[in-house]
PDB file of N, CA and C in Angstrom:
ATOM      1  N   MET A   1     103.635  90.674 122.133  1.00  0.00           N
ATOM      2  CA  MET A   1     102.747  91.793 121.196  1.00  0.00           C
ATOM      3  C   MET A   1     103.666  92.843 120.830  1.00  0.00           C
ATOM      4  N   SER A   2     103.353  93.297 119.514  1.00  0.00           N
ATOM      5  CA  SER A   2     104.142  94.767 119.304  1.00  0.00           C
ATOM      6  C   SER A   2     103.374  96.049 119.331  1.00  0.00           C
ATOM      7  N   THR A   3     104.139  96.680 119.776  1.00  0.00           N
ATOM      8  CA  THR A   3     103.222  98.267 119.766  1.00  0.00           C
ATOM      9  C   THR A   3     103.170  98.834 119.008  1.00  0.00           C
ATOM     10  N   ILE A   4     103.850  98.652 117.678  1.00  0.00           N
ATOM     11  CA  ILE A   4     103.980  99.418 116.346  1.00  0.00           C
ATOM     12  C   ILE A   4     102.478  98.985 115.732  1.00  0.00           C
ATOM     13  N   ASP A   5     101.995  99.880 115.168  1.00  0.00           N
ATOM     14  CA  ASP A   5     101.111  99.766 114.138  1.00  0.00           C
ATOM     15  C   ASP A   5     101.337  98.769 113.322  1.00  0.00           C
ATOM     16  N   PRO A   6     100.743  97.497 112.472  1.00  0.00           N
ATOM     17  CA  PRO A   6     101.425  97.003 111.326  1.00  0.00           C
ATOM     18  C   PRO A   6     101.072  97.691 110.280  1.00  0.00           C
ATOM     19  N   LYS A   7     100.793  98.531 110.182  1.00  0.00           N
ATOM     20  CA  LYS A   7     100.176  99.300 108.691  1.00  0.00           C
ATOM     21  C   LYS A   7      99.662  97.938 107.627  1.00  0.00           C
ATOM     22  N   HIS A   8      98.507  97.810 107.763  1.00  0.00           N
ATOM     23  CA  HIS A   8      97.815  96.581 106.492  1.00  0.00           C
ATOM     24  C   HIS A   8      98.143  97.164 105.019  1.00  0.00           C
ATOM     25  N   TRP A   9      97.754  96.351 104.617  1.00  0.00           N
ATOM     26  CA  TRP A   9      97.480  96.575 102.918  1.00  0.00           C
ATOM     27  C   TRP A   9      96.245  96.382 102.791  1.00  0.00           C
ATOM     28  N   SER A  10      95.757  96.835 101.509  1.00  0.00           N
ATOM     29  CA  SER A  10      94.877  96.757 101.247  1.00  0.00           C
ATOM     30  C   SER A  10      94.834  95.412 100.561  1.00  0.00           C
ATOM     31  N   LYS A  11      95.513  94.972  99.815  1.00  0.00           N
ATOM     32  CA  LYS A  11      95.254  93.311  99.770  1.00  0.00           C
ATOM     33  C   LYS A  11      96.617  92.482  99.778  1.00  0.00           C
ATOM     34  N   PRO A  12      96.522  91.363 100.155  1.00  0.00           N
ATOM     35  CA  PRO A  12      97.802  90.342 101.014  1.00  0.00           C
ATOM     36  C   PRO A  12      98.335  90.406  99.650  1.00  0.00           C
ATOM     37  N   VAL A  13      99.746  89.654  99.950  1.00  0.00           N
ATOM     38  CA  VAL A  13     100.517  89.491  98.712  1.00  0.00           C
ATOM     39  C   VAL A  13     101.035  87.812  99.016  1.00  0.00           C
ATOM     40  N   THR A  14     101.011  86.987  98.449  1.00  0.00           N
ATOM     41  CA  THR A  14     101.204  85.416  97.952  1.00  0.00           C
ATOM     42  C   THR A  14     102.171  85.001  97.319  1.00  0.00           C
ATOM     43  N   PHE A  15     103.453  84.663  97.435  1.00  0.00           N
ATOM     44  CA  PHE A  15     104.660  84.259  96.865  1.00  0.00           C
ATOM     45  C   PHE A  15     104.999  82.820  96.990  1.00  0.00           C
ATOM     46  N   ARG A  16     105.396  82.310  96.041  1.00  0.00           N
ATOM     47  CA  ARG A  16     105.740  81.298  96.350  1.00  0.00           C
ATOM     48  C   ARG A  16     107.386  81.209  96.110  1.00  0.00           C
ATOM     49  N   VAL A  17     108.083  80.405  97.266  1.00  0.00           N
ATOM     50  CA  VAL A  17     109.555  80.370  97.258  1.00  0.00           C
ATOM     51  C   VAL A  17     109.956  78.895  96.740  1.00  0.00           C
ATOM     52  N   GLY A  18     109.144  78.322  96.369  1.00  0.00           N
ATOM     53  CA  GLY A  18     109.816  76.783  96.509  1.00  0.00           C
ATOM     54  C   GLY A  18     108.581  75.785  96.161  1.00  0.00           C
ATOM     55  N   PRO A  19     109.017  74.554  95.592  1.00  0.00           N
ATOM     56  CA  PRO A  19     107.769  73.403  94.979  1.00  0.00           C
ATOM     57  C   PRO A  19     106.586  73.549  96.601  1.00  0.00           C
ATOM     58  N   GLY A  20     105.398  73.563  95.916  1.00  0.00           N
ATOM     59  CA  GLY A  20     104.480  73.948  97.358  1.00  0.00           C
ATOM     60  C   GLY A  20     104.656  74.734  98.322  1.00  0.00           C
ATOM     61  N   LEU A  21     105.333  75.474  98.696  1.00  0.00           N
ATOM     62  CA  LEU A  21     105.600  76.495  99.616  1.00  0.00           C
ATOM     63  C   LEU A  21     105.309  77.960  99.025  1.00  0.00           C
ATOM     64  N   THR A  22     104.089  78.344  99.669  1.00  0.00           N
ATOM     65  CA  THR A  22     103.830  79.626  99.738  1.00  0.00           C
ATOM     66  C   THR A  22     103.478  80.506 100.909  1.00  0.00           C
ATOM     67  N   PHE A  23     103.841  81.679 100.948  1.00  0.00           N
ATOM     68  CA  PHE A  23     104.056  82.362 102.205  1.00  0.00           C
ATOM     69  C   PHE A  23     102.715  83.470 101.753  1.00  0.00           C
ATOM     70  N   THR A  24     102.204  84.036 102.723  1.00  0.00           N
ATOM     71  CA  THR A  24     101.098  85.469 102.440  1.00  0.00           C
ATOM     72  C   THR A  24     101.594  86.363 103.364  1.00  0.00           C
ATOM     73  N   VAL A  25     101.755  87.604 102.991  1.00  0.00           N
ATOM     74  CA  VAL A  25     102.208  88.536 103.790  1.00  0.00           C
ATOM     75  C   VAL A  25     100.687  89.573 103.132  1.00  0.00           C
ATOM     76  N   THR A  26     100.517  90.278 104.903  1.00  0.00           N
ATOM     77  CA  THR A  26      99.089  90.957 104.463  1.00  0.00           C
ATOM     78  C   THR A  26      99.483  92.725 105.316  1.00  0.00           C
ATOM     79  N   ASN A  27     100.849  92.831 105.706  1.00  0.00           N
ATOM     80  CA  ASN A  27     100.959  94.258 106.361  1.00  0.00           C
ATOM     81  C   ASN A  27     102.429  94.506 106.408  1.00  0.00           C
ATOM     82  N   THR A  28     102.735  95.430 106.356  1.00  0.00           N
ATOM     83  CA  THR A  28     104.303  96.443 106.525  1.00  0.00           C
ATOM     84  C   THR A  28     105.807  95.608 107.383  1.00  0.00           C
ATOM     85  N   GLU A  29     104.774  95.179 108.343  1.00  0.00           N
ATOM     86  CA  GLU A  29     105.614  94.801 109.634  1.00  0.00           C
ATOM     87  C   GLU A  29     105.823  93.701 109.625  1.00  0.00           C
ATOM     88  N   ASP A  30     105.089  92.390 108.877  1.00  0.00           N
ATOM     89  CA  ASP A  30     104.936  90.953 108.318  1.00  0.00           C
ATOM     90  C   ASP A  30     106.141  91.022 107.243  1.00  0.00           C
ATOM     91  N   ALA A  31     105.875  92.213 106.344  1.00  0.00           N
ATOM     92  CA  ALA A  31     106.771  92.103 105.598  1.00  0.00           C
ATOM     93  C   ALA A  31     108.561  92.416 106.005  1.00  0.00           C
ATOM     94  N   ALA A  32     108.454  93.428 106.559  1.00  0.00           N
ATOM     95  CA  ALA A  32     109.583  93.833 107.367  1.00  0.00           C
ATOM     96  C   ALA A  32     110.419  92.351 107.873  1.00  0.00           C
ATOM     97  N   ARG A  33     109.556  91.767 108.837  1.00  0.00           N
ATOM     98  CA  ARG A  33     109.956  90.862 109.473  1.00  0.00           C
ATOM     99  C   ARG A  33     110.330  89.557 108.328  1.00  0.00           C
ATOM    100  N   TYR A  34     110.127  89.459 107.257  1.00  0.00           N
ATOM    101  CA  TYR A  34     110.167  88.334 106.018  1.00  0.00           C
ATOM    102  C   TYR A  34     111.465  88.676 105.424  1.00  0.00           C
ATOM    103  N   LEU A  35     111.647  90.481 105.094  1.00  0.00           N
ATOM    104  CA  LEU A  35     112.664  90.502 104.324  1.00  0.00           C
ATOM    105  C   LEU A  35     114.085  90.640 105.628  1.00  0.00           C
ATOM    106  N   LEU A  36     114.013  90.917 106.649  1.00  0.00           N
ATOM    107  CA  LEU A  36     114.921  91.167 107.449  1.00  0.00           C
ATOM    108  C   LEU A  36     115.689  89.653 108.336  1.00  0.00           C
ATOM    109  N   ASP A  37     114.483  88.400 108.556  1.00  0.00           N
ATOM    110  CA  ASP A  37     114.534  87.354 108.837  1.00  0.00           C
ATOM    111  C   ASP A  37     114.483  86.166 108.208  1.00  0.00           C
ATOM    112  N   ARG A  38     113.664  86.102 107.282  1.00  0.00           N
ATOM    113  CA  ARG A  38     113.272  84.854 106.456  1.00  0.00           C
ATOM    114  C   ARG A  38     113.793  84.939 104.738  1.00  0.00           C
ATOM    115  N   TRP A  39     114.533  86.120 104.614  1.00  0.00           N
ATOM    116  CA  TRP A  39     114.922  86.170 102.988  1.00  0.00           C
ATOM    117  C   TRP A  39     116.004  85.247 102.553  1.00  0.00           C
ATOM    118  N   SER A  40     115.357  84.244 101.725  1.00  0.00           N
ATOM    119  CA  SER A  40     116.537  83.133 101.137  1.00  0.00           C
ATOM    120  C   SER A  40     117.090  83.693  99.951  1.00  0.00           C
ATOM    121  N   GLY A  41     116.394  84.475  99.300  1.00  0.00           N
ATOM    122  CA  GLY A  41     116.728  85.239  97.710  1.00  0.00           C
ATOM    123  C   GLY A  41     118.063  85.874  97.904  1.00  0.00           C
ATOM    124  N   GLU A  42     118.635  86.199  96.493  1.00  0.00           N
ATOM    125  CA  GLU A  42     119.444  87.239  96.606  1.00  0.00           C
ATOM    126  C   GLU A  42     119.065  88.697  96.980  1.00  0.00           C
ATOM    127  N   ALA A  43     119.974  89.450  98.057  1.00  0.00           N
ATOM    128  CA  ALA A  43     119.615  90.552  98.419  1.00  0.00           C
ATOM    129  C   ALA A  43     120.233  92.063  97.654  1.00  0.00           C
ATOM    130  N   GLY A  44     119.311  91.864  96.395  1.00  0.00           N
ATOM    131  CA  GLY A  44     119.360  92.556  95.301  1.00  0.00           C
ATOM    132  C   GLY A  44     118.908  94.172  95.758  1.00  0.00           C
ATOM    133  N   PRO A  45     118.896  94.925  94.895  1.00  0.00           N
ATOM    134  CA  PRO A  45     119.109  96.285  94.773  1.00  0.00           C
ATOM    135  C   PRO A  45     117.114  96.252  95.257  1.00  0.00           C
ATOM    136  N   ALA A  46     116.352  95.652  94.619  1.00  0.00           N
ATOM    137  CA  ALA A  46     114.775  95.834  95.013  1.00  0.00           C
ATOM    138  C   ALA A  46     114.631  95.144  96.701  1.00  0.00           C
ATOM    139  N   HIS A  47     115.442  94.144  96.896  1.00  0.00           N
ATOM    140  CA  HIS A  47     115.362  93.937  98.192  1.00  0.00           C
ATOM    141  C   HIS A  47     115.899  95.277  98.916  1.00  0.00           C
ATOM    142  N   LYS A  48     116.973  95.696  98.945  1.00  0.00           N
ATOM    143  CA  LYS A  48     117.284  96.754  99.760  1.00  0.00           C
ATOM    144  C   LYS A  48     116.265  98.086  99.489  1.00  0.00           C
ATOM    145  N   MET A  49     115.180  98.497  98.592  1.00  0.00           N
ATOM    146  CA  MET A  49     114.543  99.224  98.402  1.00  0.00           C
ATOM    147  C   MET A  49     113.459  99.090  99.405  1.00  0.00           C
ATOM    148  N   ALA A  50     112.982  97.489  99.628  1.00  0.00           N
ATOM    149  CA  ALA A  50     111.582  97.428 100.078  1.00  0.00           C
ATOM    150  C   ALA A  50     112.029  97.280 101.548  1.00  0.00           C
ATOM    151  N   ARG A  51     113.263  96.723 102.077  1.00  0.00           N
ATOM    152  CA  ARG A  51     113.340  96.758 103.457  1.00  0.00           C
ATOM    153  C   ARG A  51     113.448  98.281 103.606  1.00  0.00           C
ATOM    154  N   GLN A  52     114.213  99.292 103.121  1.00  0.00           N
ATOM    155  CA  GLN A  52     113.425 100.328 103.227  1.00  0.00           C
ATOM    156  C   GLN A  52     112.539 101.219 103.660  1.00  0.00           C
ATOM    157  N   ALA A  53     111.812 100.632 102.445  1.00  0.00           N
ATOM    158  CA  ALA A  53     110.377 101.108 102.018  1.00  0.00           C
ATOM    159  C   ALA A  53     109.357 100.761 103.258  1.00  0.00           C
ATOM    160  N   CYS A  54     109.902  99.680 104.037  1.00  0.00           N
ATOM    161  CA  CYS A  54     108.681  98.709 105.403  1.00  0.00           C
ATOM    162  C   CYS A  54     109.499  99.813 106.319  1.00  0.00           C
ATOM    163  N   LEU A  55     110.662 100.206 106.655  1.00  0.00           N
ATOM    164  CA  LEU A  55     111.261 101.081 107.549  1.00  0.00           C
ATOM    165  C   LEU A  55     110.590 102.609 107.836  1.00  0.00           C
ATOM    166  N   ASP A  56     110.407 102.838 106.424  1.00  0.00           N
ATOM    167  CA  ASP A  56     110.035 104.121 106.557  1.00  0.00           C
ATOM    168  C   ASP A  56     108.616 104.235 106.545  1.00  0.00           C
ATOM    169  N   VAL A  57     107.538 103.546 105.983  1.00  0.00           N
ATOM    170  CA  VAL A  57     106.279 102.971 106.417  1.00  0.00           C
ATOM    171  C   VAL A  57     105.908 103.096 107.910  1.00  0.00           C
ATOM    172  N   LEU A  58     106.624 102.013 108.722  1.00  0.00           N
ATOM    173  CA  LEU A  58     106.624 101.813 110.054  1.00  0.00           C
ATOM    174  C   LEU A  58     107.340 103.439 111.018  1.00  0.00           C
ATOM    175  N   ALA A  59     108.038 103.983 110.640  1.00  0.00           N
ATOM    176  CA  ALA A  59     108.558 105.137 111.332  1.00  0.00           C
ATOM    177  C   ALA A  59     108.136 106.189 111.112  1.00  0.00           C
ATOM    178  N   GLU A  60     107.655 106.151 109.972  1.00  0.00           N
ATOM    179  CA  GLU A  60     107.584 107.817 109.726  1.00  0.00           C
ATOM    180  C   GLU A  60     106.012 107.799 108.605  1.00  0.00           C
ATOM    181  N   GLY A  61     105.409 106.487 109.035  1.00  0.00           N
ATOM    182  CA  GLY A  61     103.878 106.785 108.571  1.00  0.00           C
ATOM    183  C   GLY A  61     103.857 106.908 107.264  1.00  0.00           C
ATOM    184  N   LEU A  62     104.534 106.665 106.303  1.00  0.00           N
ATOM    185  CA  LEU A  62     104.077 106.810 104.503  1.00  0.00           C
ATOM    186  C   LEU A  62     103.363 105.531 104.307  1.00  0.00           C
ATOM    187  N   GLU A  63     102.480 105.693 103.176  1.00  0.00           N
ATOM    188  CA  GLU A  63     101.079 105.082 103.035  1.00  0.00           C
ATOM    189  C   GLU A  63     102.005 103.303 102.948  1.00  0.00           C
ATOM    190  N   PRO A  64     100.795 102.300 103.302  1.00  0.00           N
ATOM    191  CA  PRO A  64     101.548 101.368 103.139  1.00  0.00           C
ATOM    192  C   PRO A  64     101.442 100.562 102.341  1.00  0.00           C
ATOM    193  N   GLU A  65     101.235 101.034 100.851  1.00  0.00           N
ATOM    194  CA  GLU A  65     100.885 100.699  99.839  1.00  0.00           C
ATOM    195  C   GLU A  65     102.210 100.770  99.451  1.00  0.00           C
ATOM    196  N   GLU A  66     103.301 101.546  99.662  1.00  0.00           N
ATOM    197  CA  GLU A  66     104.846 101.891  99.154  1.00  0.00           C
ATOM    198  C   GLU A  66     105.326 100.608  99.509  1.00  0.00           C
ATOM    199  N   ALA A  67     105.473 100.136 100.475  1.00  0.00           N
ATOM    200  CA  ALA A  67     106.081  99.130 101.039  1.00  0.00           C
ATOM    201  C   ALA A  67     105.329  97.580 100.654  1.00  0.00           C
ATOM    202  N   ARG A  68     104.322  97.687 100.237  1.00  0.00           N
ATOM    203  CA  ARG A  68     103.532  96.753  99.318  1.00  0.00           C
ATOM    204  C   ARG A  68     104.277  96.228  98.141  1.00  0.00           C
ATOM    205  N   SER A  69     104.270  97.315  97.353  1.00  0.00           N
ATOM    206  CA  SER A  69     104.804  97.448  95.823  1.00  0.00           C
ATOM    207  C   SER A  69     106.221  97.177  95.561  1.00  0.00           C
ATOM    208  N   ALA A  70     107.139  97.721  97.090  1.00  0.00           N
ATOM    209  CA  ALA A  70     108.029  97.256  96.885  1.00  0.00           C
ATOM    210  C   ALA A  70     108.658  95.844  97.518  1.00  0.00           C
ATOM    211  N   PHE A  71     107.952  95.348  98.093  1.00  0.00           N
ATOM    212  CA  PHE A  71     107.981  93.739  98.628  1.00  0.00           C
ATOM    213  C   PHE A  71     107.695  93.317  97.410  1.00  0.00           C
ATOM    214  N   ILE A  72     106.705  93.268  96.565  1.00  0.00           N
ATOM    215  CA  ILE A  72     106.611  92.357  95.038  1.00  0.00           C
ATOM    216  C   ILE A  72     107.439  92.585  94.370  1.00  0.00           C
ATOM    217  N   ALA A  73     107.987  93.716  94.370  1.00  0.00           N
ATOM    218  CA  ALA A  73     110.071  94.014  92.950  1.00  0.00           C
ATOM    219  C   ALA A  73     110.233  93.265  93.943  1.00  0.00           C
ATOM    220  N   ALA A  74     111.031  92.925  95.148  1.00  0.00           N
ATOM    221  CA  ALA A  74     111.649  92.491  95.603  1.00  0.00           C
ATOM    222  C   ALA A  74     111.532  90.634  95.432  1.00  0.00           C
ATOM    223  N   CYS A  75     110.378  90.287  95.703  1.00  0.00           N
ATOM    224  CA  CYS A  75     110.152  88.913  95.431  1.00  0.00           C
ATOM    225  C   CYS A  75     110.079  88.584  94.253  1.00  0.00           C
ATOM    226  N   GLU A  76     109.998  89.270  93.329  1.00  0.00           N
ATOM    227  CA  GLU A  76     110.287  89.086  91.719  1.00  0.00           C
ATOM    228  C   GLU A  76     111.519  89.081  91.024  1.00  0.00           C
ATOM    229  N   GLU A  77     112.138  89.847  92.098  1.00  0.00           N
ATOM    230  CA  GLU A  77     113.784  90.200  91.460  1.00  0.00           C
ATOM    231  C   GLU A  77     114.529  89.462  92.218  1.00  0.00           C
ATOM    232  N   ALA A  78     113.934  88.447  93.372  1.00  0.00           N
ATOM    233  CA  ALA A  78     114.554  87.049  93.548  1.00  0.00           C
ATOM    234  C   ALA A  78     114.333  85.920  92.895  1.00  0.00           C
ATOM    235  N   GLY A  79     113.455  86.254  91.934  1.00  0.00           N
ATOM    236  CA  GLY A  79     112.811  85.104  91.578  1.00  0.00           C
ATOM    237  C   GLY A  79     111.394  84.118  91.698  1.00  0.00           C
ATOM    238  N   MET A  80     110.848  84.659  92.696  1.00  0.00           N
ATOM    239  CA  MET A  80     110.011  84.106  93.739  1.00  0.00           C
ATOM    240  C   MET A  80     108.762  84.217  92.629  1.00  0.00           C
ATOM    241  N   GLU A  81     107.735  83.763  92.507  1.00  0.00           N
ATOM    242  CA  GLU A  81     106.602  83.537  91.719  1.00  0.00           C
ATOM    243  C   GLU A  81     105.664  84.410  92.847  1.00  0.00           C
ATOM    244  N   VAL A  82     105.072  85.397  92.430  1.00  0.00           N
ATOM    245  CA  VAL A  82     104.226  86.658  93.048  1.00  0.00           C
ATOM    246  C   VAL A  82     102.585  86.049  92.442  1.00  0.00           C
ATOM    247  N   MET A  83     102.087  85.365  93.430  1.00  0.00           N
ATOM    248  CA  MET A  83     100.831  84.899  93.273  1.00  0.00           C
ATOM    249  C   MET A  83      99.430  86.016  92.710  1.00  0.00           C
ATOM    250  N   PRO A  84      98.359  85.584  91.888  1.00  0.00           N
ATOM    251  CA  PRO A  84      97.316  86.950  91.377  1.00  0.00           C
ATOM    252  C   PRO A  84      96.438  86.920  92.518  1.00  0.00           C
ATOM    253  N   GLU A  85      96.053  88.203  92.554  1.00  0.00           N
ATOM    254  CA  GLU A  85      95.240  88.675  93.725  1.00  0.00           C
ATOM    255  C   GLU A  85      94.239  87.470  93.960  1.00  0.00           C
ATOM    256  N   GLY A  86      93.936  87.373  94.867  1.00  0.00           N
ATOM    257  CA  GLY A  86      92.223  86.074  95.138  1.00  0.00           C
ATOM    258  C   GLY A  86      93.107  85.038  95.244  1.00  0.00           C
ATOM    259  N   PHE A  87      94.172  84.784  95.043  1.00  0.00           N
ATOM    260  CA  PHE A  87      94.822  83.206  94.994  1.00  0.00           C
ATOM    261  C   PHE A  87      95.046  82.465  96.005  1.00  0.00           C
ATOM    262  N   HIS A  88      94.029  81.498  96.648  1.00  0.00           N
ATOM    263  CA  HIS A  88      93.967  80.782  97.999  1.00  0.00           C
ATOM    264  C   HIS A  88      94.889  79.919  98.063  1.00  0.00           C
ATOM    265  N   THR A  89      95.451  79.699  99.598  1.00  0.00           N
ATOM    266  CA  THR A  89      96.889  78.955  99.391  1.00  0.00           C
ATOM    267  C   THR A  89      96.013  77.483 100.150  1.00  0.00           C
ATOM    268  N   ARG A  90      94.977  77.760 100.531  1.00  0.00           N
ATOM    269  CA  ARG A  90      94.129  76.258 100.948  1.00  0.00           C
ATOM    270  C   ARG A  90      93.353  75.724  99.972  1.00  0.00           C
ATOM    271  N   PRO A  91      93.767  74.407 100.399  1.00  0.00           N
ATOM    272  CA  PRO A  91      93.374  73.418  99.159  1.00  0.00           C
ATOM    273  C   PRO A  91      92.164  73.430  99.483  1.00  0.00           C
ATOM    274  N   GLN A  92      91.516  73.142  97.717  1.00  0.00           N
ATOM    275  CA  GLN A  92      90.055  73.125  97.598  1.00  0.00           C
ATOM    276  C   GLN A  92      89.906  71.456  97.763  1.00  0.00           C
ATOM    277  N   PRO A  93      88.192  72.027  98.448  1.00  0.00           N
ATOM    278  CA  PRO A  93      87.881  70.331  98.722  1.00  0.00           C
ATOM    279  C   PRO A  93      87.474  69.619  97.422  1.00  0.00           C
ATOM    280  N   ARG A  94      87.696  68.124  97.987  1.00  0.00           N
ATOM    281  CA  ARG A  94      87.603  67.235  96.798  1.00  0.00           C
ATOM    282  C   ARG A  94      86.446  67.098  96.374  1.00  0.00           C
ATOM    283  N   PRO A  95      85.919  66.686  95.499  1.00  0.00           N
ATOM    284  CA  PRO A  95      84.577  66.784  94.607  1.00  0.00           C
ATOM    285  C   PRO A  95      84.135  65.275  95.456  1.00  0.00           C
ATOM    286  N   LYS A  96      82.890  65.323  95.940  1.00  0.00           N
ATOM    287  CA  LYS A  96      82.274  64.048  96.123  1.00  0.00           C
ATOM    288  C   LYS A  96      81.719  63.379  95.526  1.00  0.00           C
ATOM    289  N   LYS A  97      81.823  61.707  95.882  1.00  0.00           N
ATOM    290  CA  LYS A  97      81.841  60.700  94.683  1.00  0.00           C
ATOM    291  C   LYS A  97      80.481  60.424  94.749  1.00  0.00           C
ATOM    292  N   LYS A  98      80.215  60.138  93.674  1.00  0.00           N
ATOM    293  CA  LYS A  98      78.846  59.940  93.213  1.00  0.00           C
ATOM    294  C   LYS A  98      78.467  58.508  93.693  1.00  0.00           C
ATOM    295  N   LYS A  99      77.477  58.369  94.164  1.00  0.00           N
ATOM    296  CA  LYS A  99      77.193  57.296  94.929  1.00  0.00           C
ATOM    297  C   LYS A  99      76.756  55.976  93.703  1.00  0.00           C
ATOM    298  N   GLY A 100      77.450  54.628  93.989  1.00  0.00           N
ATOM    299  CA  GLY A 100      77.083  53.756  92.882  1.00  0.00           C
ATOM    300  C   GLY A 100      78.719  53.485  92.649  1.00  0.00           C
ATOM    301  N   TRP A 101      79.616  54.388  93.140  1.00  0.00           N
ATOM    302  CA  TRP A 101      80.863  53.889  92.652  1.00  0.00           C
ATOM    303  C   TRP A 101      81.434  53.461  93.254  1.00  0.00           C
TER     304      TRP A 101
END
């Protein structure tokens, strides 16, 4: 278990990395782990800025929303689709069949 405060964000960020493959990040610690360990896109300037923003939030107590904004910019720079706020990754229930069918 981590001893670092995860620095939760006001709203999660859901992004698509491939067909049918979405991830949701809800805090700065998870964003830093994704940027450092799971990032599959090119590590351009926005990626580097996002990594630094996450580290600054975790180490220096800066506002978590700064890391959230930087993480979104890195996703967009890498060509990942950032889903609109309120996007649900769970499949919607199928409509019930009408009787007699």
